[in-house]
Structure formats: C-alpha cells, structure tokens
C-alpha cells in the first residue's frame, strides 16, 4: 500500500507533465501562426522575384506560371536600358540623406523648445504645428508647386526636397520624448553653470538616440517611397527619383512586367541592404514609435 507522500509526489509529477504539455501545445500553435503569417507577408516579395526572372509570356499567361522554365537574369540588365537607373538612384539617395539630416536637426530643436522652454505663444504655435497633421498634403500641392516654380527649382533635387525638410510629426515625436526625460538632469546642469544650449547639446541630445533613430527610419521610408510630389515636380527622367522611374515604366502602353519587377527589386535593394545592416536599430526605433 502506497503512502500519502508517494501518491502526492506522483500527482505533482502528473500535473507537471500536463502543464508542460499545455505549454508545448500553446508554443507550437504560436509558432505555426507566426510561420504562416511570416510566409504570407514574404509571399509578395518572393512572387516579385519570381516574376523578375520569368518571361513576359509566362507572367501574363492564364493560369499563371508560378515557376519559370528558365531563369532570365537578362531582365535585370534590361532595366538599365529602359530607364536611367543610376541617375535616379543618385537623386533618391540625395533626397533621402538631405531630408534625414535636416529633419533630425529641425525637429530636435523644435521638439526641445516646445517641451522644455517657456515662451509666449508656445501653445498656439504647437497647435498650429499639429494642425498640419490634419491637413492632407494634396491640399497645398498647387501652392507648393507655384513656389518651387517661381524659385526656378523644377527638375532639381532642391525642388523635390524642399517641402519635406520639416515634419510636424517629427516635431511632436521629439517633443514627447523630451517630455519623458527627467527634469532633474537640467536642474543639475544649471547648478553647474550650463547655459540652455549646453544643456540641450551636452545633456539632453545624447539621450535622444531611440527617438532620433525612429525619426530617421520613418523619414527614410517616406522619402524613398514618395511618388506624388516628385512626379509633379520632375519632368525629366534623369532628374527624377526611382519611384517616378517605376511609375513611368508602369505607365507605358505595353508593360514589360518582368523588367518592371526587376526594376522594383533593384529599387528595394538599397533599403533592404540598409535594413539588414541596421536591423537591430530599425526594430528598436519602430518599437519606440509604437510604444509612444
């Protein structure tokens, strides 16, 4: 006859095995859902690569051909014949770099001013800045075009970059981050004799790494993918970014879909390489924006 202690120990082991089985089942279900979700999100990208290596007849066939009979890498070489790829790549890089640098500078200064400095009309100015977020960009598209045209900046990088040098969302993002920093840091710096600029430059700015990273990521994605404004301002193909070049390829009467997909893959490649290199920083920055 077994003792109560032995029976209790056996019941605990059975309960432990049952809980482990439940946890394993829940983890397995979660992994299956994540794998299926990841495959669903990666499927358009994989299908794009398959189309870029196919012939136009295979792409337009009904029913569609999922795997080409022969991999046609010459579609990627044809991209450089149908569009000035390197010129448009240079324009896209210049637009992205200039906007990232200028927006980080302006939004950081403006965000700190709205968060920490006290001046007359601060609330009204902040309300005006936030009101920009409520107005669709298409509303002031015509006025922006007239200003750029009068300045003689059509078909130039400066004309494409100009409307995106300041961001109301970036200012609000930096303001919220500065509001979350301890006030004691500034008070300690003032006791040490630091002036407002020294407090901002040496104390507060080095702490804004996550917010600056998030802002830079959002600006890069927006600038690289922007289409409407560059399409309006750029009339020459060699002065347009890659987004306009892809739109031009898609707008011809007879679209060569494999070449178009190859051009799309080449357009995505710089951002994809940048993401692979800075993957950890990108994830941290996007997670920061989601939390805020």
C-alpha atoms as a PDB file:
ATOM      1  CA  UNK A   1       0.000   0.000   0.000  1.00  0.00           C
ATOM      2  CA  UNK A   2       1.454   3.349  -1.087  1.00  0.00           C
ATOM      3  CA  UNK A   3       1.898   6.126   1.398  1.00  0.00           C
ATOM      4  CA  UNK A   4       0.161   9.522   1.050  1.00  0.00           C
ATOM      5  CA  UNK A   5       3.533  11.206   0.351  1.00  0.00           C
ATOM      6  CA  UNK A   6       4.202   8.897  -2.616  1.00  0.00           C
ATOM      7  CA  UNK A   7       0.722   9.481  -4.012  1.00  0.00           C
ATOM      8  CA  UNK A   8       1.119  13.255  -3.620  1.00  0.00           C
ATOM      9  CA  UNK A   9       4.515  13.152  -5.361  1.00  0.00           C
ATOM     10  CA  UNK A  10       3.044  11.148  -8.241  1.00  0.00           C
ATOM     11  CA  UNK A  11       0.135  13.568  -8.630  1.00  0.00           C
ATOM     12  CA  UNK A  12       2.565  16.512  -8.713  1.00  0.00           C
ATOM     13  CA  UNK A  13       4.628  14.856 -11.439  1.00  0.00           C
ATOM     14  CA  UNK A  14       1.493  14.137 -13.439  1.00  0.00           C
ATOM     15  CA  UNK A  15       0.330  17.722 -13.011  1.00  0.00           C
ATOM     16  CA  UNK A  16       3.759  18.978 -14.057  1.00  0.00           C
ATOM     17  CA  UNK A  17       3.722  16.816 -17.182  1.00  0.00           C
ATOM     18  CA  UNK A  18       0.245  18.080 -18.004  1.00  0.00           C
ATOM     19  CA  UNK A  19       1.250  21.750 -17.647  1.00  0.00           C
ATOM     20  CA  UNK A  20       4.361  21.142 -19.765  1.00  0.00           C
ATOM     21  CA  UNK A  21       2.224  19.544 -22.464  1.00  0.00           C
ATOM     22  CA  UNK A  22      -0.144  22.536 -22.411  1.00  0.00           C
ATOM     23  CA  UNK A  23       2.768  24.984 -22.688  1.00  0.00           C
ATOM     24  CA  UNK A  24       4.293  22.971 -25.540  1.00  0.00           C
ATOM     25  CA  UNK A  25       0.955  22.935 -27.338  1.00  0.00           C
ATOM     26  CA  UNK A  26       0.468  26.686 -26.928  1.00  0.00           C
ATOM     27  CA  UNK A  27       4.049  27.391 -28.073  1.00  0.00           C
ATOM     28  CA  UNK A  28       3.623  25.104 -31.063  1.00  0.00           C
ATOM     29  CA  UNK A  29       0.390  26.843 -32.053  1.00  0.00           C
ATOM     30  CA  UNK A  30       2.047  30.265 -31.681  1.00  0.00           C
ATOM     31  CA  UNK A  31       4.990  29.195 -33.857  1.00  0.00           C
ATOM     32  CA  UNK A  32       2.669  27.814 -36.528  1.00  0.00           C
ATOM     33  CA  UNK A  33       0.720  31.078 -36.621  1.00  0.00           C
ATOM     34  CA  UNK A  34       3.936  33.121 -36.799  1.00  0.00           C
ATOM     35  CA  UNK A  35       5.360  30.959 -39.597  1.00  0.00           C
ATOM     36  CA  UNK A  36       2.157  31.238 -41.616  1.00  0.00           C
ATOM     37  CA  UNK A  37       1.971  34.984 -41.014  1.00  0.00           C
ATOM     38  CA  UNK A  38       5.623  35.446 -41.992  1.00  0.00           C
ATOM     39  CA  UNK A  39       5.129  33.419 -45.162  1.00  0.00           C
ATOM     40  CA  UNK A  40       2.036  35.447 -46.056  1.00  0.00           C
ATOM     41  CA  UNK A  41       3.968  38.702 -45.667  1.00  0.00           C
ATOM     42  CA  UNK A  42       7.001  37.416 -47.593  1.00  0.00           C
ATOM     43  CA  UNK A  43       4.944  35.887 -50.408  1.00  0.00           C
ATOM     44  CA  UNK A  44       4.506  39.139 -52.422  1.00  0.00           C
ATOM     45  CA  UNK A  45       8.261  39.748 -52.291  1.00  0.00           C
ATOM     46  CA  UNK A  46       9.024  36.168 -53.362  1.00  0.00           C
ATOM     47  CA  UNK A  47       6.445  36.400 -56.143  1.00  0.00           C
ATOM     48  CA  UNK A  48       8.042  39.661 -57.289  1.00  0.00           C
ATOM     49  CA  UNK A  49      11.452  37.972 -57.547  1.00  0.00           C
ATOM     50  CA  UNK A  50       9.946  35.021 -59.449  1.00  0.00           C
ATOM     51  CA  UNK A  51       8.251  37.395 -61.907  1.00  0.00           C
ATOM     52  CA  UNK A  52      11.506  39.297 -62.433  1.00  0.00           C
ATOM     53  CA  UNK A  53      13.172  36.055 -63.566  1.00  0.00           C
ATOM     54  CA  UNK A  54      10.352  34.982 -65.889  1.00  0.00           C
ATOM     55  CA  UNK A  55       9.400  35.843 -69.433  1.00  0.00           C
ATOM     56  CA  UNK A  56       6.580  38.233 -70.237  1.00  0.00           C
ATOM     57  CA  UNK A  57       4.548  35.381 -71.733  1.00  0.00           C
ATOM     58  CA  UNK A  58       4.857  33.359 -68.516  1.00  0.00           C
ATOM     59  CA  UNK A  59       3.841  36.315 -66.370  1.00  0.00           C
ATOM     60  CA  UNK A  60       0.760  37.135 -68.450  1.00  0.00           C
ATOM     61  CA  UNK A  61      -0.315  33.526 -69.026  1.00  0.00           C
ATOM     62  CA  UNK A  62      -3.663  32.261 -67.732  1.00  0.00           C
ATOM     63  CA  UNK A  63      -3.471  30.339 -65.457  1.00  0.00           C
ATOM     64  CA  UNK A  64      -0.273  31.972 -64.169  1.00  0.00           C
ATOM     65  CA  UNK A  65       3.042  30.147 -64.203  1.00  0.00           C
ATOM     66  CA  UNK A  66       4.472  30.091 -60.711  1.00  0.00           C
ATOM     67  CA  UNK A  67       7.927  28.802 -61.625  1.00  0.00           C
ATOM     68  CA  UNK A  68       9.664  29.894 -64.851  1.00  0.00           C
ATOM     69  CA  UNK A  69      11.083  27.266 -67.175  1.00  0.00           C
ATOM     70  CA  UNK A  70      14.281  29.305 -67.493  1.00  0.00           C
ATOM     71  CA  UNK A  71      15.694  31.944 -65.161  1.00  0.00           C
ATOM     72  CA  UNK A  72      16.053  35.141 -67.179  1.00  0.00           C
ATOM     73  CA  UNK A  73      18.642  37.293 -65.437  1.00  0.00           C
ATOM     74  CA  UNK A  74      18.814  39.482 -68.545  1.00  0.00           C
ATOM     75  CA  UNK A  75      15.662  41.204 -67.261  1.00  0.00           C
ATOM     76  CA  UNK A  76      17.864  42.948 -64.709  1.00  0.00           C
ATOM     77  CA  UNK A  77      20.245  44.089 -67.448  1.00  0.00           C
ATOM     78  CA  UNK A  78      17.285  45.397 -69.459  1.00  0.00           C
ATOM     79  CA  UNK A  79      16.399  47.739 -66.578  1.00  0.00           C
ATOM     80  CA  UNK A  80      19.434  49.902 -67.360  1.00  0.00           C
ATOM     81  CA  UNK A  81      18.300  50.184 -70.978  1.00  0.00           C
ATOM     82  CA  UNK A  82      14.740  51.320 -70.339  1.00  0.00           C
ATOM     83  CA  UNK A  83      15.424  53.803 -67.500  1.00  0.00           C
ATOM     84  CA  UNK A  84      18.359  55.930 -66.250  1.00  0.00           C
ATOM     85  CA  UNK A  85      18.650  53.800 -63.132  1.00  0.00           C
ATOM     86  CA  UNK A  86      21.889  55.160 -61.687  1.00  0.00           C
ATOM     87  CA  UNK A  87      20.867  58.806 -62.205  1.00  0.00           C
ATOM     88  CA  UNK A  88      17.540  58.177 -60.479  1.00  0.00           C
ATOM     89  CA  UNK A  89      19.269  56.191 -57.745  1.00  0.00           C
ATOM     90  CA  UNK A  90      21.538  59.173 -57.065  1.00  0.00           C
ATOM     91  CA  UNK A  91      18.538  61.509 -56.889  1.00  0.00           C
ATOM     92  CA  UNK A  92      16.755  59.182 -54.440  1.00  0.00           C
ATOM     93  CA  UNK A  93      19.840  58.933 -52.241  1.00  0.00           C
ATOM     94  CA  UNK A  94      20.342  62.696 -52.194  1.00  0.00           C
ATOM     95  CA  UNK A  95      16.689  63.329 -51.344  1.00  0.00           C
ATOM     96  CA  UNK A  96      16.729  60.780 -48.533  1.00  0.00           C
ATOM     97  CA  UNK A  97      20.016  61.896 -46.986  1.00  0.00           C
ATOM     98  CA  UNK A  98      19.168  65.615 -47.075  1.00  0.00           C
ATOM     99  CA  UNK A  99      15.722  65.095 -45.574  1.00  0.00           C
ATOM    100  CA  UNK A 100      17.001  62.811 -42.829  1.00  0.00           C
ATOM    101  CA  UNK A 101      19.749  65.231 -41.750  1.00  0.00           C
ATOM    102  CA  UNK A 102      17.638  68.397 -41.928  1.00  0.00           C
ATOM    103  CA  UNK A 103      14.570  66.884 -40.280  1.00  0.00           C
ATOM    104  CA  UNK A 104      16.611  65.488 -37.415  1.00  0.00           C
ATOM    105  CA  UNK A 105      18.172  68.920 -36.802  1.00  0.00           C
ATOM    106  CA  UNK A 106      14.961  70.965 -37.114  1.00  0.00           C
ATOM    107  CA  UNK A 107      12.646  68.533 -35.337  1.00  0.00           C
ATOM    108  CA  UNK A 108      15.091  68.002 -32.476  1.00  0.00           C
ATOM    109  CA  UNK A 109      15.485  71.730 -31.858  1.00  0.00           C
ATOM    110  CA  UNK A 110      11.754  72.410 -32.227  1.00  0.00           C
ATOM    111  CA  UNK A 111      10.783  69.447 -30.063  1.00  0.00           C
ATOM    112  CA  UNK A 112      13.103  70.543 -27.268  1.00  0.00           C
ATOM    113  CA  UNK A 113      11.805  74.113 -27.462  1.00  0.00           C
ATOM    114  CA  UNK A 114       8.163  73.020 -27.210  1.00  0.00           C
ATOM    115  CA  UNK A 115       8.914  70.557 -24.407  1.00  0.00           C
ATOM    116  CA  UNK A 116      11.280  72.457 -22.128  1.00  0.00           C
ATOM    117  CA  UNK A 117      11.375  76.169 -22.952  1.00  0.00           C
ATOM    118  CA  UNK A 118       8.819  78.693 -21.783  1.00  0.00           C
ATOM    119  CA  UNK A 119       7.909  81.475 -24.209  1.00  0.00           C
ATOM    120  CA  UNK A 120       4.849  83.490 -25.169  1.00  0.00           C
ATOM    121  CA  UNK A 121       2.541  81.795 -27.664  1.00  0.00           C
ATOM    122  CA  UNK A 122       4.078  78.351 -27.220  1.00  0.00           C
ATOM    123  CA  UNK A 123       0.697  76.594 -27.009  1.00  0.00           C
ATOM    124  CA  UNK A 124      -0.646  78.402 -30.076  1.00  0.00           C
ATOM    125  CA  UNK A 125       2.457  77.600 -32.122  1.00  0.00           C
ATOM    126  CA  UNK A 126       2.302  73.962 -31.090  1.00  0.00           C
ATOM    127  CA  UNK A 127      -1.375  73.823 -32.078  1.00  0.00           C
ATOM    128  CA  UNK A 128      -0.534  75.268 -35.496  1.00  0.00           C
ATOM    129  CA  UNK A 129       2.213  72.693 -35.986  1.00  0.00           C
ATOM    130  CA  UNK A 130      -0.097  69.838 -35.020  1.00  0.00           C
ATOM    131  CA  UNK A 131      -2.828  71.244 -37.283  1.00  0.00           C
ATOM    132  CA  UNK A 132      -0.563  70.452 -40.235  1.00  0.00           C
ATOM    133  CA  UNK A 133      -1.068  66.751 -39.465  1.00  0.00           C
ATOM    134  CA  UNK A 134      -4.816  67.149 -40.011  1.00  0.00           C
ATOM    135  CA  UNK A 135      -4.495  68.643 -43.495  1.00  0.00           C
ATOM    136  CA  UNK A 136      -3.935  66.241 -46.422  1.00  0.00           C
ATOM    137  CA  UNK A 137      -0.770  67.022 -48.349  1.00  0.00           C
ATOM    138  CA  UNK A 138      -2.738  67.215 -51.614  1.00  0.00           C
ATOM    139  CA  UNK A 139      -4.476  70.378 -50.365  1.00  0.00           C
ATOM    140  CA  UNK A 140      -1.355  72.539 -50.609  1.00  0.00           C
ATOM    141  CA  UNK A 141       0.191  70.709 -53.558  1.00  0.00           C
ATOM    142  CA  UNK A 142      -0.659  73.509 -56.028  1.00  0.00           C
ATOM    143  CA  UNK A 143       0.729  76.291 -53.816  1.00  0.00           C
ATOM    144  CA  UNK A 144       3.919  74.341 -53.238  1.00  0.00           C
ATOM    145  CA  UNK A 145       4.328  73.817 -56.968  1.00  0.00           C
ATOM    146  CA  UNK A 146       3.891  77.541 -57.658  1.00  0.00           C
ATOM    147  CA  UNK A 147       6.516  78.440 -55.052  1.00  0.00           C
ATOM    148  CA  UNK A 148       9.010  75.910 -56.418  1.00  0.00           C
ATOM    149  CA  UNK A 149       8.312  77.058 -59.978  1.00  0.00           C
ATOM    150  CA  UNK A 150       8.839  80.737 -59.102  1.00  0.00           C
ATOM    151  CA  UNK A 151      12.119  79.856 -57.417  1.00  0.00           C
ATOM    152  CA  UNK A 152      13.272  78.040 -60.548  1.00  0.00           C
ATOM    153  CA  UNK A 153      13.709  74.719 -58.740  1.00  0.00           C
ATOM    154  CA  UNK A 154      11.783  72.451 -61.092  1.00  0.00           C
ATOM    155  CA  UNK A 155      13.690  69.306 -62.118  1.00  0.00           C
ATOM    156  CA  UNK A 156      16.158  69.757 -59.267  1.00  0.00           C
ATOM    157  CA  UNK A 157      16.873  67.860 -56.079  1.00  0.00           C
ATOM    158  CA  UNK A 158      16.248  71.049 -54.082  1.00  0.00           C
ATOM    159  CA  UNK A 159      12.754  71.358 -55.537  1.00  0.00           C
ATOM    160  CA  UNK A 160      11.883  67.791 -54.582  1.00  0.00           C
ATOM    161  CA  UNK A 161      13.428  68.039 -51.118  1.00  0.00           C
ATOM    162  CA  UNK A 162      12.103  71.450 -50.068  1.00  0.00           C
ATOM    163  CA  UNK A 163       8.560  70.531 -48.892  1.00  0.00           C
ATOM    164  CA  UNK A 164       9.873  67.655 -46.784  1.00  0.00           C
ATOM    165  CA  UNK A 165      12.552  69.482 -44.828  1.00  0.00           C
ATOM    166  CA  UNK A 166      10.235  69.973 -41.839  1.00  0.00           C
ATOM    167  CA  UNK A 167       7.947  67.412 -40.254  1.00  0.00           C
ATOM    168  CA  UNK A 168       5.121  68.194 -37.866  1.00  0.00           C
ATOM    169  CA  UNK A 169       5.009  64.562 -36.792  1.00  0.00           C
ATOM    170  CA  UNK A 170       8.769  64.545 -36.183  1.00  0.00           C
ATOM    171  CA  UNK A 171       8.479  67.658 -34.030  1.00  0.00           C
ATOM    172  CA  UNK A 172       5.677  66.104 -31.989  1.00  0.00           C
ATOM    173  CA  UNK A 173       7.637  62.848 -31.641  1.00  0.00           C
ATOM    174  CA  UNK A 174      10.735  64.620 -30.330  1.00  0.00           C
ATOM    175  CA  UNK A 175       8.644  66.805 -28.025  1.00  0.00           C
ATOM    176  CA  UNK A 176       7.048  63.757 -26.442  1.00  0.00           C
ATOM    177  CA  UNK A 177      10.445  62.147 -25.936  1.00  0.00           C
ATOM    178  CA  UNK A 178      11.910  65.249 -24.298  1.00  0.00           C
ATOM    179  CA  UNK A 179       8.883  65.457 -22.004  1.00  0.00           C
ATOM    180  CA  UNK A 180       9.693  61.955 -20.787  1.00  0.00           C
ATOM    181  CA  UNK A 181      13.243  62.817 -19.733  1.00  0.00           C
ATOM    182  CA  UNK A 182      13.836  63.695 -16.049  1.00  0.00           C
ATOM    183  CA  UNK A 183      13.781  67.401 -15.251  1.00  0.00           C
ATOM    184  CA  UNK A 184      16.483  66.807 -12.607  1.00  0.00           C
ATOM    185  CA  UNK A 185      19.075  66.447 -15.366  1.00  0.00           C
ATOM    186  CA  UNK A 186      18.518  70.033 -16.497  1.00  0.00           C
ATOM    187  CA  UNK A 187      18.419  71.341 -12.948  1.00  0.00           C
ATOM    188  CA  UNK A 188      21.731  69.673 -12.148  1.00  0.00           C
ATOM    189  CA  UNK A 189      23.271  71.147 -15.302  1.00  0.00           C
ATOM    190  CA  UNK A 190      22.033  74.651 -14.401  1.00  0.00           C
ATOM    191  CA  UNK A 191      23.584  74.316 -10.954  1.00  0.00           C
ATOM    192  CA  UNK A 192      26.880  73.525 -12.679  1.00  0.00           C
ATOM    193  CA  UNK A 193      26.586  76.759 -14.673  1.00  0.00           C
ATOM    194  CA  UNK A 194      25.491  75.353 -18.054  1.00  0.00           C
ATOM    195  CA  UNK A 195      23.548  77.643 -20.390  1.00  0.00           C
ATOM    196  CA  UNK A 196      20.411  76.451 -22.255  1.00  0.00           C
ATOM    197  CA  UNK A 197      22.313  75.465 -25.395  1.00  0.00           C
ATOM    198  CA  UNK A 198      24.878  73.486 -23.405  1.00  0.00           C
ATOM    199  CA  UNK A 199      22.071  71.715 -21.549  1.00  0.00           C
ATOM    200  CA  UNK A 200      20.469  70.760 -24.861  1.00  0.00           C
ATOM    201  CA  UNK A 201      23.681  69.810 -26.680  1.00  0.00           C
ATOM    202  CA  UNK A 202      25.604  68.019 -23.939  1.00  0.00           C
ATOM    203  CA  UNK A 203      22.900  66.652 -21.643  1.00  0.00           C
ATOM    204  CA  UNK A 204      19.615  66.143 -23.472  1.00  0.00           C
ATOM    205  CA  UNK A 205      20.631  65.437 -27.074  1.00  0.00           C
ATOM    206  CA  UNK A 206      22.842  62.401 -26.275  1.00  0.00           C
ATOM    207  CA  UNK A 207      19.793  60.780 -24.622  1.00  0.00           C
ATOM    208  CA  UNK A 208      17.608  61.027 -27.738  1.00  0.00           C
ATOM    209  CA  UNK A 209      19.132  58.056 -29.567  1.00  0.00           C
ATOM    210  CA  UNK A 210      15.926  55.955 -29.744  1.00  0.00           C
ATOM    211  CA  UNK A 211      13.771  58.892 -30.836  1.00  0.00           C
ATOM    212  CA  UNK A 212      16.280  60.077 -33.447  1.00  0.00           C
ATOM    213  CA  UNK A 213      16.579  56.535 -34.800  1.00  0.00           C
ATOM    214  CA  UNK A 214      12.803  56.219 -35.070  1.00  0.00           C
ATOM    215  CA  UNK A 215      12.538  59.583 -36.831  1.00  0.00           C
ATOM    216  CA  UNK A 216      15.350  58.713 -39.243  1.00  0.00           C
ATOM    217  CA  UNK A 217      13.741  55.374 -40.137  1.00  0.00           C
ATOM    218  CA  UNK A 218      10.373  56.978 -40.842  1.00  0.00           C
ATOM    219  CA  UNK A 219      11.944  59.732 -42.954  1.00  0.00           C
ATOM    220  CA  UNK A 220      13.969  57.216 -44.971  1.00  0.00           C
ATOM    221  CA  UNK A 221      10.898  55.102 -45.723  1.00  0.00           C
ATOM    222  CA  UNK A 222       8.784  58.126 -46.635  1.00  0.00           C
ATOM    223  CA  UNK A 223      11.424  59.799 -48.815  1.00  0.00           C
ATOM    224  CA  UNK A 224      12.369  56.628 -50.673  1.00  0.00           C
ATOM    225  CA  UNK A 225       8.747  55.708 -51.455  1.00  0.00           C
ATOM    226  CA  UNK A 226       7.319  59.189 -52.122  1.00  0.00           C
ATOM    227  CA  UNK A 227       5.721  59.442 -55.544  1.00  0.00           C
ATOM    228  CA  UNK A 228       3.151  62.230 -55.934  1.00  0.00           C
ATOM    229  CA  UNK A 229       5.332  65.300 -55.297  1.00  0.00           C
ATOM    230  CA  UNK A 230       8.385  64.120 -57.290  1.00  0.00           C
ATOM    231  CA  UNK A 231       6.043  63.099 -60.117  1.00  0.00           C
ATOM    232  CA  UNK A 232       4.647  66.653 -60.237  1.00  0.00           C
ATOM    233  CA  UNK A 233       7.963  68.498 -59.940  1.00  0.00           C
ATOM    234  CA  UNK A 234      10.161  66.273 -62.134  1.00  0.00           C
ATOM    235  CA  UNK A 235       9.658  66.461 -65.895  1.00  0.00           C
ATOM    236  CA  UNK A 236      12.985  64.911 -66.898  1.00  0.00           C
ATOM    237  CA  UNK A 237      13.618  61.242 -66.245  1.00  0.00           C
ATOM    238  CA  UNK A 238      17.252  61.776 -65.234  1.00  0.00           C
ATOM    239  CA  UNK A 239      16.204  64.352 -62.608  1.00  0.00           C
ATOM    240  CA  UNK A 240      13.544  62.124 -61.031  1.00  0.00           C
ATOM    241  CA  UNK A 241      13.874  59.587 -58.208  1.00  0.00           C
ATOM    242  CA  UNK A 242      13.407  55.854 -58.602  1.00  0.00           C
ATOM    243  CA  UNK A 243       9.745  55.966 -57.573  1.00  0.00           C
ATOM    244  CA  UNK A 244       8.959  58.166 -60.588  1.00  0.00           C
ATOM    245  CA  UNK A 245      11.023  55.902 -62.834  1.00  0.00           C
ATOM    246  CA  UNK A 246       8.978  52.878 -61.769  1.00  0.00           C
ATOM    247  CA  UNK A 247       5.747  54.795 -62.348  1.00  0.00           C
ATOM    248  CA  UNK A 248       6.936  55.684 -65.846  1.00  0.00           C
ATOM    249  CA  UNK A 249       7.684  52.031 -66.620  1.00  0.00           C
ATOM    250  CA  UNK A 250       4.244  51.014 -65.396  1.00  0.00           C
ATOM    251  CA  UNK A 251       2.548  53.712 -67.495  1.00  0.00           C
ATOM    252  CA  UNK A 252       3.770  52.726 -70.962  1.00  0.00           C
ATOM    253  CA  UNK A 253       1.204  51.209 -73.373  1.00  0.00           C
ATOM    254  CA  UNK A 254       2.899  47.786 -73.436  1.00  0.00           C
ATOM    255  CA  UNK A 255       4.248  46.962 -70.000  1.00  0.00           C
ATOM    256  CA  UNK A 256       7.110  44.505 -69.777  1.00  0.00           C
ATOM    257  CA  UNK A 257       6.211  43.070 -66.391  1.00  0.00           C
ATOM    258  CA  UNK A 258       9.408  41.067 -65.767  1.00  0.00           C
ATOM    259  CA  UNK A 259      11.559  44.142 -66.410  1.00  0.00           C
ATOM    260  CA  UNK A 260       9.244  46.207 -64.213  1.00  0.00           C
ATOM    261  CA  UNK A 261       9.549  43.656 -61.409  1.00  0.00           C
ATOM    262  CA  UNK A 262      13.330  43.558 -61.863  1.00  0.00           C
ATOM    263  CA  UNK A 263      13.424  47.358 -61.568  1.00  0.00           C
ATOM    264  CA  UNK A 264      11.302  47.132 -58.414  1.00  0.00           C
ATOM    265  CA  UNK A 265      13.705  44.603 -56.883  1.00  0.00           C
ATOM    266  CA  UNK A 266      16.690  46.828 -57.689  1.00  0.00           C
ATOM    267  CA  UNK A 267      14.847  49.821 -56.207  1.00  0.00           C
ATOM    268  CA  UNK A 268      14.160  47.900 -52.994  1.00  0.00           C
ATOM    269  CA  UNK A 269      17.719  46.567 -52.752  1.00  0.00           C
ATOM    270  CA  UNK A 270      19.371  49.640 -51.090  1.00  0.00           C
ATOM    271  CA  UNK A 271      16.701  49.829 -48.389  1.00  0.00           C
ATOM    272  CA  UNK A 272      16.802  46.063 -47.886  1.00  0.00           C
ATOM    273  CA  UNK A 273      20.605  46.096 -47.502  1.00  0.00           C
ATOM    274  CA  UNK A 274      20.353  49.024 -45.098  1.00  0.00           C
ATOM    275  CA  UNK A 275      17.757  47.130 -43.060  1.00  0.00           C
ATOM    276  CA  UNK A 276      19.964  44.031 -42.879  1.00  0.00           C
ATOM    277  CA  UNK A 277      22.927  46.104 -41.682  1.00  0.00           C
ATOM    278  CA  UNK A 278      20.926  48.149 -39.163  1.00  0.00           C
ATOM    279  CA  UNK A 279      18.298  45.533 -38.320  1.00  0.00           C
ATOM    280  CA  UNK A 280      18.540  45.879 -34.550  1.00  0.00           C
ATOM    281  CA  UNK A 281      18.402  49.669 -34.638  1.00  0.00           C
ATOM    282  CA  UNK A 282      15.451  49.625 -37.042  1.00  0.00           C
ATOM    283  CA  UNK A 283      13.441  47.255 -34.852  1.00  0.00           C
ATOM    284  CA  UNK A 284      14.203  49.282 -31.735  1.00  0.00           C
ATOM    285  CA  UNK A 285      13.202  52.506 -33.481  1.00  0.00           C
ATOM    286  CA  UNK A 286       9.921  51.107 -34.801  1.00  0.00           C
ATOM    287  CA  UNK A 287       9.160  49.600 -31.399  1.00  0.00           C
ATOM    288  CA  UNK A 288       9.786  53.000 -29.825  1.00  0.00           C
ATOM    289  CA  UNK A 289       7.300  54.710 -32.168  1.00  0.00           C
ATOM    290  CA  UNK A 290       4.740  52.002 -31.412  1.00  0.00           C
ATOM    291  CA  UNK A 291       5.110  52.481 -27.654  1.00  0.00           C
ATOM    292  CA  UNK A 292       4.830  56.238 -27.894  1.00  0.00           C
END
